[in-house]
Amino acid sequence: MADEPLRATEAARRLGLPTRDLLVLIREHKIRYVMVDGIAHVPVDAIEEYRAKAS
């Protein structure tokens, strides 16, 4: 798969947020995520969706 979901640290870096803030967004279901082996990952396209909603 070309666009594998990103771990929280990488997704947070791409959004310019601290990882802790991204984890809050995930917990509050404000950004789309998928579970991979019991760990939340953020799909690459979910980052753009979040940016569009946040603006």
C-alpha atoms as a PDB file:
ATOM      1  CA  MET A   1       0.000   0.000   0.000  1.00  0.00           C
ATOM      2  CA  ALA A   2       1.492   3.330  -1.039  1.00  0.00           C
ATOM      3  CA  ASP A   3       0.018   5.554   1.683  1.00  0.00           C
ATOM      4  CA  GLU A   4       0.423   3.588   4.889  1.00  0.00           C
ATOM      5  CA  PRO A   5      -1.159   5.185   7.954  1.00  0.00           C
ATOM      6  CA  LEU A   6       1.242   7.286  10.010  1.00  0.00           C
ATOM      7  CA  ARG A   7       2.181   6.776  13.645  1.00  0.00           C
ATOM      8  CA  ALA A   8       1.070   9.583  15.931  1.00  0.00           C
ATOM      9  CA  THR A   9       4.556  11.112  16.146  1.00  0.00           C
ATOM     10  CA  GLU A  10       4.864  11.478  12.367  1.00  0.00           C
ATOM     11  CA  ALA A  11       1.287  12.701  11.910  1.00  0.00           C
ATOM     12  CA  ALA A  12       1.821  15.297  14.659  1.00  0.00           C
ATOM     13  CA  ARG A  13       5.057  16.457  13.017  1.00  0.00           C
ATOM     14  CA  ARG A  14       3.271  16.928   9.687  1.00  0.00           C
ATOM     15  CA  LEU A  15       0.533  18.939  11.410  1.00  0.00           C
ATOM     16  CA  GLY A  16       3.025  21.001  13.390  1.00  0.00           C
ATOM     17  CA  LEU A  17       1.554  19.836  16.702  1.00  0.00           C
ATOM     18  CA  PRO A  18       3.014  18.194  19.768  1.00  0.00           C
ATOM     19  CA  THR A  19       2.289  14.457  19.787  1.00  0.00           C
ATOM     20  CA  ARG A  20       0.275  14.872  22.981  1.00  0.00           C
ATOM     21  CA  ASP A  21      -2.092  17.335  21.236  1.00  0.00           C
ATOM     22  CA  LEU A  22      -2.600  14.937  18.343  1.00  0.00           C
ATOM     23  CA  LEU A  23      -3.426  12.140  20.777  1.00  0.00           C
ATOM     24  CA  VAL A  24      -6.100  14.375  22.304  1.00  0.00           C
ATOM     25  CA  LEU A  25      -7.563  14.933  18.818  1.00  0.00           C
ATOM     26  CA  ILE A  26      -7.622  11.173  18.279  1.00  0.00           C
ATOM     27  CA  ARG A  27      -9.224  10.491  21.656  1.00  0.00           C
ATOM     28  CA  GLU A  28     -11.899  13.148  20.988  1.00  0.00           C
ATOM     29  CA  HIS A  29     -12.495  11.773  17.449  1.00  0.00           C
ATOM     30  CA  LYS A  30     -11.602  15.121  15.875  1.00  0.00           C
ATOM     31  CA  ILE A  31      -9.207  13.506  13.396  1.00  0.00           C
ATOM     32  CA  ARG A  32      -9.801  10.247  11.572  1.00  0.00           C
ATOM     33  CA  TYR A  33      -7.623   7.325  12.590  1.00  0.00           C
ATOM     34  CA  VAL A  34      -7.285   3.585  12.151  1.00  0.00           C
ATOM     35  CA  MET A  35      -6.079   1.011  14.637  1.00  0.00           C
ATOM     36  CA  VAL A  36      -3.049  -1.049  13.592  1.00  0.00           C
ATOM     37  CA  ASP A  37      -1.996  -3.748  16.040  1.00  0.00           C
ATOM     38  CA  GLY A  38      -3.815  -1.884  18.814  1.00  0.00           C
ATOM     39  CA  ILE A  39      -2.068   1.432  18.085  1.00  0.00           C
ATOM     40  CA  ALA A  40      -3.835   4.470  16.611  1.00  0.00           C
ATOM     41  CA  HIS A  41      -2.429   5.550  13.238  1.00  0.00           C
ATOM     42  CA  VAL A  42      -3.533   8.526  11.139  1.00  0.00           C
ATOM     43  CA  PRO A  43      -4.130   8.009   7.407  1.00  0.00           C
ATOM     44  CA  VAL A  44      -2.214  10.510   5.273  1.00  0.00           C
ATOM     45  CA  ASP A  45      -5.426  11.885   3.731  1.00  0.00           C
ATOM     46  CA  ALA A  46      -6.907  12.431   7.217  1.00  0.00           C
ATOM     47  CA  ILE A  47      -4.240  15.084   7.812  1.00  0.00           C
ATOM     48  CA  GLU A  48      -5.525  17.139   4.875  1.00  0.00           C
ATOM     49  CA  GLU A  49      -9.140  16.564   5.971  1.00  0.00           C
ATOM     50  CA  TYR A  50      -8.286  17.894   9.424  1.00  0.00           C
ATOM     51  CA  ARG A  51      -6.497  20.936   7.992  1.00  0.00           C
ATOM     52  CA  ALA A  52      -9.518  21.726   5.796  1.00  0.00           C
ATOM     53  CA  LYS A  53     -11.915  21.501   8.763  1.00  0.00           C
ATOM     54  CA  ALA A  54      -9.633  23.533  11.035  1.00  0.00           C
ATOM     55  CA  SER A  55      -9.340  26.481   8.651  1.00  0.00           C
END
